Amino acid sequence: MKIHTLYKSRIKQSSKAFDDTARLYCRAVDFYINVCLNEWKDASKCSNSKDAVNFCESVSLRTKARPATKYDFSGYLYKFPCYLRRAAIASAFGKVSSYKSNLANWNANPVGEKPGIPHT
């Protein structure tokens, strides 16, 4: 059996097809960075990224069982694919968690510049 991979191949002329997707993904990450920063008291209780995804979805995705949420992601990015949304949440949670940890370390020993607020 022969296996073919494309890991070393570059997409030259059609890379522009991904620009809009990357731009939307960055907007989603920024949205969830703000959610995590604003809701850090509750979000910090999440022990892993799956818990963080569940928490962020519970405060930002409106469903039949949850018609009112504090944040409206669907109104911000309508019909955004769930796999990209979940990846954006995990990325945002990681950035905010790192920022909060670095900020706590800096507050304990203020050497150098204060850590900057995360963004994409």
PDB file of N, CA and C in Angstrom:
ATOM      1  N   MET A   1       0.843  -1.171   0.000  1.00  0.00           N
ATOM      2  CA  MET A   1       0.000   0.000   0.000  1.00  0.00           C
ATOM      3  C   MET A   1       0.891   1.238   0.000  1.00  0.00           C
ATOM      4  N   LYS A   2       0.618   2.160  -0.900  1.00  0.00           N
ATOM      5  CA  LYS A   2       1.389   3.379  -1.011  1.00  0.00           C
ATOM      6  C   LYS A   2       0.558   4.541  -0.470  1.00  0.00           C
ATOM      7  N   ILE A   3       1.166   5.336   0.392  1.00  0.00           N
ATOM      8  CA  ILE A   3       0.460   6.463   1.000  1.00  0.00           C
ATOM      9  C   ILE A   3       0.976   7.753   0.385  1.00  0.00           C
ATOM     10  N   HIS A   4       0.063   8.596  -0.027  1.00  0.00           N
ATOM     11  CA  HIS A   4       0.410   9.900  -0.587  1.00  0.00           C
ATOM     12  C   HIS A   4      -0.009  10.986   0.393  1.00  0.00           C
ATOM     13  N   THR A   5       0.866  11.948   0.617  1.00  0.00           N
ATOM     14  CA  THR A   5       0.515  13.067   1.484  1.00  0.00           C
ATOM     15  C   THR A   5       0.767  14.372   0.752  1.00  0.00           C
ATOM     16  N   LEU A   6       0.150  15.401   1.235  1.00  0.00           N
ATOM     17  CA  LEU A   6       0.313  16.729   0.649  1.00  0.00           C
ATOM     18  C   LEU A   6       0.885  17.722   1.651  1.00  0.00           C
ATOM     19  N   TYR A   7       1.524  17.246   2.699  1.00  0.00           N
ATOM     20  CA  TYR A   7       2.014  18.142   3.732  1.00  0.00           C
ATOM     21  C   TYR A   7       3.032  19.149   3.212  1.00  0.00           C
ATOM     22  N   LYS A   8       3.827  18.763   2.236  1.00  0.00           N
ATOM     23  CA  LYS A   8       4.858  19.658   1.734  1.00  0.00           C
ATOM     24  C   LYS A   8       4.385  20.492   0.553  1.00  0.00           C
ATOM     25  N   SER A   9       3.195  20.250   0.097  1.00  0.00           N
ATOM     26  CA  SER A   9       2.682  21.001  -1.047  1.00  0.00           C
ATOM     27  C   SER A   9       2.188  22.368  -0.601  1.00  0.00           C
ATOM     28  N   ARG A  10       2.405  23.342  -1.436  1.00  0.00           N
ATOM     29  CA  ARG A  10       1.926  24.686  -1.161  1.00  0.00           C
ATOM     30  C   ARG A  10       0.812  25.021  -2.139  1.00  0.00           C
ATOM     31  N   ILE A  11      -0.185  25.669  -1.633  1.00  0.00           N
ATOM     32  CA  ILE A  11      -1.272  26.139  -2.487  1.00  0.00           C
ATOM     33  C   ILE A  11      -0.912  27.566  -2.874  1.00  0.00           C
ATOM     34  N   LYS A  12      -0.539  27.759  -4.125  1.00  0.00           N
ATOM     35  CA  LYS A  12      -0.026  29.062  -4.540  1.00  0.00           C
ATOM     36  C   LYS A  12      -1.127  30.018  -4.970  1.00  0.00           C
ATOM     37  N   GLN A  13      -1.842  29.679  -6.008  1.00  0.00           N
ATOM     38  CA  GLN A  13      -2.768  30.639  -6.586  1.00  0.00           C
ATOM     39  C   GLN A  13      -4.129  30.654  -5.913  1.00  0.00           C
ATOM     40  N   SER A  14      -4.478  29.601  -5.220  1.00  0.00           N
ATOM     41  CA  SER A  14      -5.801  29.583  -4.607  1.00  0.00           C
ATOM     42  C   SER A  14      -5.757  29.884  -3.110  1.00  0.00           C
ATOM     43  N   SER A  15      -4.633  30.380  -2.604  1.00  0.00           N
ATOM     44  CA  SER A  15      -4.566  30.682  -1.173  1.00  0.00           C
ATOM     45  C   SER A  15      -5.499  31.828  -0.802  1.00  0.00           C
ATOM     46  N   LYS A  16      -5.864  32.645  -1.767  1.00  0.00           N
ATOM     47  CA  LYS A  16      -6.795  33.745  -1.498  1.00  0.00           C
ATOM     48  C   LYS A  16      -8.174  33.221  -1.123  1.00  0.00           C
ATOM     49  N   ALA A  17      -8.458  31.989  -1.496  1.00  0.00           N
ATOM     50  CA  ALA A  17      -9.748  31.394  -1.147  1.00  0.00           C
ATOM     51  C   ALA A  17      -9.879  31.231   0.362  1.00  0.00           C
ATOM     52  N   PHE A  18      -8.760  31.132   1.065  1.00  0.00           N
ATOM     53  CA  PHE A  18      -8.788  30.941   2.510  1.00  0.00           C
ATOM     54  C   PHE A  18      -8.736  32.254   3.284  1.00  0.00           C
ATOM     55  N   ASP A  19      -8.482  33.366   2.609  1.00  0.00           N
ATOM     56  CA  ASP A  19      -8.343  34.647   3.299  1.00  0.00           C
ATOM     57  C   ASP A  19      -9.607  35.040   4.053  1.00  0.00           C
ATOM     58  N   ASP A  20     -10.763  34.894   3.427  1.00  0.00           N
ATOM     59  CA  ASP A  20     -12.015  35.255   4.091  1.00  0.00           C
ATOM     60  C   ASP A  20     -12.274  34.360   5.297  1.00  0.00           C
ATOM     61  N   THR A  21     -11.985  33.073   5.156  1.00  0.00           N
ATOM     62  CA  THR A  21     -12.180  32.142   6.266  1.00  0.00           C
ATOM     63  C   THR A  21     -11.261  32.504   7.429  1.00  0.00           C
ATOM     64  N   ALA A  22     -10.014  32.810   7.128  1.00  0.00           N
ATOM     65  CA  ALA A  22      -9.065  33.188   8.177  1.00  0.00           C
ATOM     66  C   ALA A  22      -9.494  34.479   8.860  1.00  0.00           C
ATOM     67  N   ARG A  23      -9.988  35.423   8.097  1.00  0.00           N
ATOM     68  CA  ARG A  23     -10.457  36.695   8.650  1.00  0.00           C
ATOM     69  C   ARG A  23     -11.649  36.469   9.586  1.00  0.00           C
ATOM     70  N   LEU A  24     -12.597  35.638   9.163  1.00  0.00           N
ATOM     71  CA  LEU A  24     -13.758  35.338  10.002  1.00  0.00           C
ATOM     72  C   LEU A  24     -13.346  34.585  11.264  1.00  0.00           C
ATOM     73  N   TYR A  25     -12.404  33.669  11.124  1.00  0.00           N
ATOM     74  CA  TYR A  25     -11.915  32.919  12.283  1.00  0.00           C
ATOM     75  C   TYR A  25     -11.285  33.872  13.303  1.00  0.00           C
ATOM     76  N   CYS A  26     -10.497  34.823  12.832  1.00  0.00           N
ATOM     77  CA  CYS A  26      -9.878  35.801  13.739  1.00  0.00           C
ATOM     78  C   CYS A  26     -10.938  36.638  14.446  1.00  0.00           C
ATOM     79  N   ARG A  27     -11.993  36.994  13.734  1.00  0.00           N
ATOM     80  CA  ARG A  27     -13.099  37.733  14.364  1.00  0.00           C
ATOM     81  C   ARG A  27     -13.766  36.888  15.442  1.00  0.00           C
ATOM     82  N   ALA A  28     -13.918  35.599  15.183  1.00  0.00           N
ATOM     83  CA  ALA A  28     -14.522  34.703  16.173  1.00  0.00           C
ATOM     84  C   ALA A  28     -13.628  34.584  17.409  1.00  0.00           C
ATOM     85  N   VAL A  29     -12.321  34.465  17.197  1.00  0.00           N
ATOM     86  CA  VAL A  29     -11.395  34.388  18.331  1.00  0.00           C
ATOM     87  C   VAL A  29     -11.472  35.671  19.151  1.00  0.00           C
ATOM     88  N   ASP A  30     -11.488  36.824  18.492  1.00  0.00           N
ATOM     89  CA  ASP A  30     -11.599  38.099  19.205  1.00  0.00           C
ATOM     90  C   ASP A  30     -12.895  38.174  20.007  1.00  0.00           C
ATOM     91  N   PHE A  31     -13.991  37.717  19.413  1.00  0.00           N
ATOM     92  CA  PHE A  31     -15.278  37.708  20.108  1.00  0.00           C
ATOM     93  C   PHE A  31     -15.173  36.887  21.392  1.00  0.00           C
ATOM     94  N   TYR A  32     -14.607  35.694  21.286  1.00  0.00           N
ATOM     95  CA  TYR A  32     -14.528  34.816  22.452  1.00  0.00           C
ATOM     96  C   TYR A  32     -13.437  35.230  23.433  1.00  0.00           C
ATOM     97  N   ILE A  33     -12.434  35.969  22.996  1.00  0.00           N
ATOM     98  CA  ILE A  33     -11.484  36.553  23.948  1.00  0.00           C
ATOM     99  C   ILE A  33     -12.226  37.530  24.851  1.00  0.00           C
ATOM    100  N   ASN A  34     -13.078  38.365  24.260  1.00  0.00           N
ATOM    101  CA  ASN A  34     -13.862  39.312  25.058  1.00  0.00           C
ATOM    102  C   ASN A  34     -14.813  38.589  26.002  1.00  0.00           C
ATOM    103  N   VAL A  35     -15.440  37.517  25.520  1.00  0.00           N
ATOM    104  CA  VAL A  35     -16.336  36.737  26.383  1.00  0.00           C
ATOM    105  C   VAL A  35     -15.552  36.167  27.564  1.00  0.00           C
ATOM    106  N   CYS A  36     -14.410  35.559  27.291  1.00  0.00           N
ATOM    107  CA  CYS A  36     -13.612  34.951  28.362  1.00  0.00           C
ATOM    108  C   CYS A  36     -13.100  35.998  29.351  1.00  0.00           C
ATOM    109  N   LEU A  37     -12.667  37.149  28.848  1.00  0.00           N
ATOM    110  CA  LEU A  37     -12.199  38.207  29.746  1.00  0.00           C
ATOM    111  C   LEU A  37     -13.334  38.717  30.632  1.00  0.00           C
ATOM    112  N   ASN A  38     -14.496  38.941  30.038  1.00  0.00           N
ATOM    113  CA  ASN A  38     -15.634  39.465  30.799  1.00  0.00           C
ATOM    114  C   ASN A  38     -16.203  38.442  31.775  1.00  0.00           C
ATOM    115  N   GLU A  39     -16.119  37.178  31.435  1.00  0.00           N
ATOM    116  CA  GLU A  39     -16.694  36.112  32.259  1.00  0.00           C
ATOM    117  C   GLU A  39     -15.612  35.278  32.950  1.00  0.00           C
ATOM    118  N   TRP A  40     -14.436  35.863  33.182  1.00  0.00           N
ATOM    119  CA  TRP A  40     -13.311  35.088  33.691  1.00  0.00           C
ATOM    120  C   TRP A  40     -13.587  34.463  35.054  1.00  0.00           C
ATOM    121  N   LYS A  41     -14.380  35.122  35.873  1.00  0.00           N
ATOM    122  CA  LYS A  41     -14.684  34.572  37.200  1.00  0.00           C
ATOM    123  C   LYS A  41     -15.267  33.161  37.070  1.00  0.00           C
ATOM    124  N   ASP A  42     -16.157  32.968  36.107  1.00  0.00           N
ATOM    125  CA  ASP A  42     -16.751  31.647  35.883  1.00  0.00           C
ATOM    126  C   ASP A  42     -15.915  30.795  34.928  1.00  0.00           C
ATOM    127  N   ALA A  43     -15.325  31.431  33.924  1.00  0.00           N
ATOM    128  CA  ALA A  43     -14.546  30.684  32.930  1.00  0.00           C
ATOM    129  C   ALA A  43     -13.289  30.075  33.544  1.00  0.00           C
ATOM    130  N   SER A  44     -12.747  30.716  34.566  1.00  0.00           N
ATOM    131  CA  SER A  44     -11.518  30.199  35.184  1.00  0.00           C
ATOM    132  C   SER A  44     -11.747  28.869  35.897  1.00  0.00           C
ATOM    133  N   LYS A  45     -12.994  28.527  36.149  1.00  0.00           N
ATOM    134  CA  LYS A  45     -13.312  27.252  36.800  1.00  0.00           C
ATOM    135  C   LYS A  45     -13.215  26.069  35.834  1.00  0.00           C
ATOM    136  N   CYS A  46     -13.108  26.355  34.546  1.00  0.00           N
ATOM    137  CA  CYS A  46     -13.002  25.289  33.540  1.00  0.00           C
ATOM    138  C   CYS A  46     -11.628  24.634  33.654  1.00  0.00           C
ATOM    139  N   SER A  47     -11.622  23.318  33.740  1.00  0.00           N
ATOM    140  CA  SER A  47     -10.356  22.612  33.934  1.00  0.00           C
ATOM    141  C   SER A  47      -9.675  22.217  32.626  1.00  0.00           C
ATOM    142  N   ASN A  48     -10.418  22.232  31.521  1.00  0.00           N
ATOM    143  CA  ASN A  48      -9.818  21.890  30.229  1.00  0.00           C
ATOM    144  C   ASN A  48     -10.559  22.632  29.119  1.00  0.00           C
ATOM    145  N   SER A  49     -10.066  22.493  27.896  1.00  0.00           N
ATOM    146  CA  SER A  49     -10.654  23.258  26.792  1.00  0.00           C
ATOM    147  C   SER A  49     -12.075  22.802  26.466  1.00  0.00           C
ATOM    148  N   LYS A  50     -12.382  21.533  26.701  1.00  0.00           N
ATOM    149  CA  LYS A  50     -13.748  21.062  26.440  1.00  0.00           C
ATOM    150  C   LYS A  50     -14.736  21.757  27.372  1.00  0.00           C
ATOM    151  N   ASP A  51     -14.365  21.885  28.645  1.00  0.00           N
ATOM    152  CA  ASP A  51     -15.218  22.607  29.590  1.00  0.00           C
ATOM    153  C   ASP A  51     -15.347  24.073  29.192  1.00  0.00           C
ATOM    154  N   ALA A  52     -14.246  24.655  28.718  1.00  0.00           N
ATOM    155  CA  ALA A  52     -14.276  26.055  28.287  1.00  0.00           C
ATOM    156  C   ALA A  52     -15.197  26.239  27.087  1.00  0.00           C
ATOM    157  N   VAL A  53     -15.141  25.306  26.147  1.00  0.00           N
ATOM    158  CA  VAL A  53     -16.024  25.369  24.976  1.00  0.00           C
ATOM    159  C   VAL A  53     -17.475  25.288  25.421  1.00  0.00           C
ATOM    160  N   ASN A  54     -17.779  24.350  26.305  1.00  0.00           N
ATOM    161  CA  ASN A  54     -19.154  24.211  26.793  1.00  0.00           C
ATOM    162  C   ASN A  54     -19.619  25.470  27.517  1.00  0.00           C
ATOM    163  N   PHE A  55     -18.748  26.042  28.349  1.00  0.00           N
ATOM    164  CA  PHE A  55     -19.117  27.254  29.077  1.00  0.00           C
ATOM    165  C   PHE A  55     -19.368  28.419  28.119  1.00  0.00           C
ATOM    166  N   CYS A  56     -18.431  28.649  27.204  1.00  0.00           N
ATOM    167  CA  CYS A  56     -18.571  29.776  26.271  1.00  0.00           C
ATOM    168  C   CYS A  56     -19.791  29.614  25.373  1.00  0.00           C
ATOM    169  N   GLU A  57     -20.061  28.393  24.947  1.00  0.00           N
ATOM    170  CA  GLU A  57     -21.257  28.174  24.139  1.00  0.00           C
ATOM    171  C   GLU A  57     -22.519  28.427  24.957  1.00  0.00           C
ATOM    172  N   SER A  58     -22.487  28.119  26.244  1.00  0.00           N
ATOM    173  CA  SER A  58     -23.680  28.320  27.074  1.00  0.00           C
ATOM    174  C   SER A  58     -24.002  29.798  27.284  1.00  0.00           C
ATOM    175  N   VAL A  59     -23.000  30.673  27.202  1.00  0.00           N
ATOM    176  CA  VAL A  59     -23.272  32.102  27.390  1.00  0.00           C
ATOM    177  C   VAL A  59     -23.372  32.871  26.073  1.00  0.00           C
ATOM    178  N   SER A  60     -23.128  32.182  24.941  1.00  0.00           N
ATOM    179  CA  SER A  60     -23.118  32.928  23.678  1.00  0.00           C
ATOM    180  C   SER A  60     -23.969  32.334  22.566  1.00  0.00           C
ATOM    181  N   LEU A  61     -24.462  31.118  22.732  1.00  0.00           N
ATOM    182  CA  LEU A  61     -25.259  30.503  21.668  1.00  0.00           C
ATOM    183  C   LEU A  61     -26.701  30.340  22.115  1.00  0.00           C
ATOM    184  N   ARG A  62     -27.578  30.941  21.369  1.00  0.00           N
ATOM    185  CA  ARG A  62     -28.998  30.838  21.677  1.00  0.00           C
ATOM    186  C   ARG A  62     -29.564  29.576  21.049  1.00  0.00           C
ATOM    187  N   THR A  63     -30.341  28.859  21.842  1.00  0.00           N
ATOM    188  CA  THR A  63     -30.986  27.637  21.377  1.00  0.00           C
ATOM    189  C   THR A  63     -32.455  27.692  21.767  1.00  0.00           C
ATOM    190  N   LYS A  64     -33.169  26.665  21.392  1.00  0.00           N
ATOM    191  CA  LYS A  64     -34.580  26.589  21.767  1.00  0.00           C
ATOM    192  C   LYS A  64     -34.719  26.519  23.291  1.00  0.00           C
ATOM    193  N   ALA A  65     -33.844  25.762  23.920  1.00  0.00           N
ATOM    194  CA  ALA A  65     -33.871  25.636  25.377  1.00  0.00           C
ATOM    195  C   ALA A  65     -33.264  26.848  26.081  1.00  0.00           C
ATOM    196  N   ARG A  66     -32.446  27.622  25.351  1.00  0.00           N
ATOM    197  CA  ARG A  66     -31.769  28.784  25.922  1.00  0.00           C
ATOM    198  C   ARG A  66     -31.955  29.975  24.973  1.00  0.00           C
ATOM    199  N   PRO A  67     -33.159  30.564  24.934  1.00  0.00           N
ATOM    200  CA  PRO A  67     -33.442  31.607  23.945  1.00  0.00           C
ATOM    201  C   PRO A  67     -32.755  32.946  24.218  1.00  0.00           C
ATOM    202  N   ALA A  68     -32.331  33.187  25.443  1.00  0.00           N
ATOM    203  CA  ALA A  68     -31.667  34.450  25.770  1.00  0.00           C
ATOM    204  C   ALA A  68     -30.304  34.156  26.383  1.00  0.00           C
ATOM    205  N   THR A  69     -29.279  34.729  25.789  1.00  0.00           N
ATOM    206  CA  THR A  69     -27.925  34.590  26.326  1.00  0.00           C
ATOM    207  C   THR A  69     -27.318  35.973  26.476  1.00  0.00           C
ATOM    208  N   LYS A  70     -26.285  36.067  27.288  1.00  0.00           N
ATOM    209  CA  LYS A  70     -25.635  37.360  27.532  1.00  0.00           C
ATOM    210  C   LYS A  70     -24.947  37.886  26.271  1.00  0.00           C
ATOM    211  N   TYR A  71     -24.389  36.989  25.482  1.00  0.00           N
ATOM    212  CA  TYR A  71     -23.701  37.348  24.238  1.00  0.00           C
ATOM    213  C   TYR A  71     -24.386  36.618  23.091  1.00  0.00           C
ATOM    214  N   ASP A  72     -24.418  37.234  21.929  1.00  0.00           N
ATOM    215  CA  ASP A  72     -25.095  36.621  20.781  1.00  0.00           C
ATOM    216  C   ASP A  72     -24.095  36.385  19.654  1.00  0.00           C
ATOM    217  N   PHE A  73     -23.476  35.218  19.659  1.00  0.00           N
ATOM    218  CA  PHE A  73     -22.486  34.905  18.630  1.00  0.00           C
ATOM    219  C   PHE A  73     -23.130  34.762  17.258  1.00  0.00           C
ATOM    220  N   SER A  74     -24.301  34.155  17.193  1.00  0.00           N
ATOM    221  CA  SER A  74     -24.974  33.958  15.901  1.00  0.00           C
ATOM    222  C   SER A  74     -25.349  35.285  15.256  1.00  0.00           C
ATOM    223  N   GLY A  75     -25.638  36.275  16.061  1.00  0.00           N
ATOM    224  CA  GLY A  75     -25.904  37.603  15.517  1.00  0.00           C
ATOM    225  C   GLY A  75     -24.638  38.277  15.019  1.00  0.00           C
ATOM    226  N   TYR A  76     -23.509  37.902  15.599  1.00  0.00           N
ATOM    227  CA  TYR A  76     -22.221  38.482  15.217  1.00  0.00           C
ATOM    228  C   TYR A  76     -21.656  37.804  13.968  1.00  0.00           C
ATOM    229  N   LEU A  77     -21.649  36.486  13.956  1.00  0.00           N
ATOM    230  CA  LEU A  77     -21.176  35.715  12.797  1.00  0.00           C
ATOM    231  C   LEU A  77     -22.211  34.642  12.480  1.00  0.00           C
ATOM    232  N   TYR A  78     -23.141  34.981  11.657  1.00  0.00           N
ATOM    233  CA  TYR A  78     -24.255  34.101  11.320  1.00  0.00           C
ATOM    234  C   TYR A  78     -23.766  32.898  10.514  1.00  0.00           C
ATOM    235  N   LYS A  79     -24.250  31.721  10.847  1.00  0.00           N
ATOM    236  CA  LYS A  79     -23.941  30.465  10.142  1.00  0.00           C
ATOM    237  C   LYS A  79     -22.448  30.121  10.162  1.00  0.00           C
ATOM    238  N   PHE A  80     -21.764  30.466  11.232  1.00  0.00           N
ATOM    239  CA  PHE A  80     -20.349  30.129  11.375  1.00  0.00           C
ATOM    240  C   PHE A  80     -20.239  28.642  11.712  1.00  0.00           C
ATOM    241  N   PRO A  81     -19.380  27.887  11.027  1.00  0.00           N
ATOM    242  CA  PRO A  81     -19.292  26.435  11.262  1.00  0.00           C
ATOM    243  C   PRO A  81     -18.902  26.107  12.707  1.00  0.00           C
ATOM    244  N   CYS A  82     -19.537  25.092  13.255  1.00  0.00           N
ATOM    245  CA  CYS A  82     -19.327  24.761  14.672  1.00  0.00           C
ATOM    246  C   CYS A  82     -17.900  24.303  14.951  1.00  0.00           C
ATOM    247  N   TYR A  83     -17.262  23.608  14.017  1.00  0.00           N
ATOM    248  CA  TYR A  83     -15.897  23.144  14.276  1.00  0.00           C
ATOM    249  C   TYR A  83     -14.922  24.315  14.333  1.00  0.00           C
ATOM    250  N   LEU A  84     -15.159  25.353  13.533  1.00  0.00           N
ATOM    251  CA  LEU A  84     -14.311  26.544  13.616  1.00  0.00           C
ATOM    252  C   LEU A  84     -14.632  27.343  14.873  1.00  0.00           C
ATOM    253  N   ARG A  85     -15.917  27.410  15.242  1.00  0.00           N
ATOM    254  CA  ARG A  85     -16.316  28.123  16.454  1.00  0.00           C
ATOM    255  C   ARG A  85     -15.655  27.482  17.672  1.00  0.00           C
ATOM    256  N   ARG A  86     -15.687  26.171  17.746  1.00  0.00           N
ATOM    257  CA  ARG A  86     -15.096  25.481  18.894  1.00  0.00           C
ATOM    258  C   ARG A  86     -13.579  25.645  18.927  1.00  0.00           C
ATOM    259  N   ALA A  87     -12.955  25.644  17.773  1.00  0.00           N
ATOM    260  CA  ALA A  87     -11.506  25.895  17.714  1.00  0.00           C
ATOM    261  C   ALA A  87     -11.200  27.325  18.155  1.00  0.00           C
ATOM    262  N   ALA A  88     -12.046  28.273  17.754  1.00  0.00           N
ATOM    263  CA  ALA A  88     -11.860  29.671  18.147  1.00  0.00           C
ATOM    264  C   ALA A  88     -12.024  29.832  19.657  1.00  0.00           C
ATOM    265  N   ILE A  89     -12.994  29.141  20.234  1.00  0.00           N
ATOM    266  CA  ILE A  89     -13.201  29.211  21.685  1.00  0.00           C
ATOM    267  C   ILE A  89     -11.986  28.647  22.412  1.00  0.00           C
ATOM    268  N   ALA A  90     -11.496  27.497  21.976  1.00  0.00           N
ATOM    269  CA  ALA A  90     -10.333  26.885  22.623  1.00  0.00           C
ATOM    270  C   ALA A  90      -9.112  27.798  22.525  1.00  0.00           C
ATOM    271  N   SER A  91      -8.921  28.415  21.371  1.00  0.00           N
ATOM    272  CA  SER A  91      -7.804  29.334  21.186  1.00  0.00           C
ATOM    273  C   SER A  91      -7.954  30.559  22.088  1.00  0.00           C
ATOM    274  N   ALA A  92      -9.141  31.128  22.121  1.00  0.00           N
ATOM    275  CA  ALA A  92      -9.392  32.309  22.948  1.00  0.00           C
ATOM    276  C   ALA A  92      -9.202  31.991  24.427  1.00  0.00           C
ATOM    277  N   PHE A  93      -9.716  30.854  24.857  1.00  0.00           N
ATOM    278  CA  PHE A  93      -9.575  30.466  26.262  1.00  0.00           C
ATOM    279  C   PHE A  93      -8.102  30.293  26.627  1.00  0.00           C
ATOM    280  N   GLY A  94      -7.325  29.676  25.748  1.00  0.00           N
ATOM    281  CA  GLY A  94      -5.896  29.510  25.998  1.00  0.00           C
ATOM    282  C   GLY A  94      -5.175  30.844  26.104  1.00  0.00           C
ATOM    283  N   LYS A  95      -5.514  31.781  25.229  1.00  0.00           N
ATOM    284  CA  LYS A  95      -4.875  33.101  25.261  1.00  0.00           C
ATOM    285  C   LYS A  95      -5.235  33.857  26.532  1.00  0.00           C
ATOM    286  N   VAL A  96      -6.503  33.818  26.912  1.00  0.00           N
ATOM    287  CA  VAL A  96      -6.936  34.534  28.114  1.00  0.00           C
ATOM    288  C   VAL A  96      -6.361  33.875  29.364  1.00  0.00           C
ATOM    289  N   SER A  97      -6.327  32.561  29.394  1.00  0.00           N
ATOM    290  CA  SER A  97      -5.753  31.849  30.531  1.00  0.00           C
ATOM    291  C   SER A  97      -4.275  32.199  30.695  1.00  0.00           C
ATOM    292  N   SER A  98      -3.546  32.233  29.597  1.00  0.00           N
ATOM    293  CA  SER A  98      -2.136  32.605  29.629  1.00  0.00           C
ATOM    294  C   SER A  98      -1.967  34.054  30.084  1.00  0.00           C
ATOM    295  N   TYR A  99      -2.802  34.942  29.560  1.00  0.00           N
ATOM    296  CA  TYR A  99      -2.746  36.356  29.946  1.00  0.00           C
ATOM    297  C   TYR A  99      -2.986  36.516  31.447  1.00  0.00           C
ATOM    298  N   LYS A 100      -4.015  35.849  31.969  1.00  0.00           N
ATOM    299  CA  LYS A 100      -4.340  35.970  33.396  1.00  0.00           C
ATOM    300  C   LYS A 100      -3.212  35.408  34.259  1.00  0.00           C
ATOM    301  N   SER A 101      -2.605  34.316  33.833  1.00  0.00           N
ATOM    302  CA  SER A 101      -1.481  33.737  34.559  1.00  0.00           C
ATOM    303  C   SER A 101      -0.280  34.682  34.544  1.00  0.00           C
ATOM    304  N   ASN A 102       0.036  35.219  33.373  1.00  0.00           N
ATOM    305  CA  ASN A 102       1.152  36.166  33.257  1.00  0.00           C
ATOM    306  C   ASN A 102       0.886  37.431  34.067  1.00  0.00           C
ATOM    307  N   LEU A 103      -0.366  37.891  34.076  1.00  0.00           N
ATOM    308  CA  LEU A 103      -0.726  39.082  34.841  1.00  0.00           C
ATOM    309  C   LEU A 103      -0.566  38.828  36.342  1.00  0.00           C
ATOM    310  N   ALA A 104      -0.985  37.657  36.804  1.00  0.00           N
ATOM    311  CA  ALA A 104      -0.818  37.315  38.222  1.00  0.00           C
ATOM    312  C   ALA A 104       0.664  37.247  38.589  1.00  0.00           C
ATOM    313  N   ASN A 105       1.478  36.664  37.722  1.00  0.00           N
ATOM    314  CA  ASN A 105       2.925  36.610  37.970  1.00  0.00           C
ATOM    315  C   ASN A 105       3.524  38.008  37.983  1.00  0.00           C
ATOM    316  N   TRP A 106       3.075  38.870  37.076  1.00  0.00           N
ATOM    317  CA  TRP A 106       3.594  40.234  37.012  1.00  0.00           C
ATOM    318  C   TRP A 106       3.164  41.028  38.248  1.00  0.00           C
ATOM    319  N   ASN A 107       1.924  40.825  38.714  1.00  0.00           N
ATOM    320  CA  ASN A 107       1.460  41.523  39.916  1.00  0.00           C
ATOM    321  C   ASN A 107       2.251  41.085  41.146  1.00  0.00           C
ATOM    322  N   ALA A 108       2.653  39.834  41.200  1.00  0.00           N
ATOM    323  CA  ALA A 108       3.454  39.332  42.315  1.00  0.00           C
ATOM    324  C   ALA A 108       4.881  39.869  42.262  1.00  0.00           C
ATOM    325  N   ASN A 109       5.404  40.068  41.058  1.00  0.00           N
ATOM    326  CA  ASN A 109       6.769  40.552  40.877  1.00  0.00           C
ATOM    327  C   ASN A 109       6.796  41.471  39.660  1.00  0.00           C
ATOM    328  N   PRO A 110       6.455  42.758  39.838  1.00  0.00           N
ATOM    329  CA  PRO A 110       6.323  43.663  38.687  1.00  0.00           C
ATOM    330  C   PRO A 110       7.653  44.078  38.062  1.00  0.00           C
ATOM    331  N   VAL A 111       8.229  43.185  37.300  1.00  0.00           N
ATOM    332  CA  VAL A 111       9.459  43.470  36.572  1.00  0.00           C
ATOM    333  C   VAL A 111       9.112  43.533  35.093  1.00  0.00           C
ATOM    334  N   GLY A 112       9.588  44.565  34.422  1.00  0.00           N
ATOM    335  CA  GLY A 112       9.290  44.709  33.000  1.00  0.00           C
ATOM    336  C   GLY A 112       7.913  45.307  32.784  1.00  0.00           C
ATOM    337  N   GLU A 113       7.435  45.160  31.566  1.00  0.00           N
ATOM    338  CA  GLU A 113       6.135  45.729  31.219  1.00  0.00           C
ATOM    339  C   GLU A 113       4.998  44.811  31.638  1.00  0.00           C
ATOM    340  N   LYS A 114       3.870  45.439  31.914  1.00  0.00           N
ATOM    341  CA  LYS A 114       2.663  44.688  32.249  1.00  0.00           C
ATOM    342  C   LYS A 114       2.232  43.892  31.018  1.00  0.00           C
ATOM    343  N   PRO A 115       1.777  42.643  31.196  1.00  0.00           N
ATOM    344  CA  PRO A 115       1.331  41.844  30.041  1.00  0.00           C
ATOM    345  C   PRO A 115       0.178  42.528  29.305  1.00  0.00           C
ATOM    346  N   GLY A 116       0.210  42.448  27.997  1.00  0.00           N
ATOM    347  CA  GLY A 116      -0.836  43.060  27.181  1.00  0.00           C
ATOM    348  C   GLY A 116      -2.056  42.170  27.068  1.00  0.00           C
ATOM    349  N   ILE A 117      -3.197  42.799  26.855  1.00  0.00           N
ATOM    350  CA  ILE A 117      -4.447  42.058  26.672  1.00  0.00           C
ATOM    351  C   ILE A 117      -4.344  41.266  25.375  1.00  0.00           C
ATOM    352  N   PRO A 118      -4.764  40.001  25.385  1.00  0.00           N
ATOM    353  CA  PRO A 118      -4.622  39.163  24.183  1.00  0.00           C
ATOM    354  C   PRO A 118      -5.509  39.618  23.028  1.00  0.00           C
ATOM    355  N   HIS A 119      -5.046  39.360  21.844  1.00  0.00           N
ATOM    356  CA  HIS A 119      -5.798  39.610  20.614  1.00  0.00           C
ATOM    357  C   HIS A 119      -5.251  38.689  19.540  1.00  0.00           C
ATOM    358  N   THR A 120      -5.945  38.628  18.409  1.00  0.00           N
ATOM    359  CA  THR A 120      -5.482  37.755  17.332  1.00  0.00           C
ATOM    360  C   THR A 120      -4.569  38.506  16.398  1.00  0.00           C
TER     361      THR A 120
END
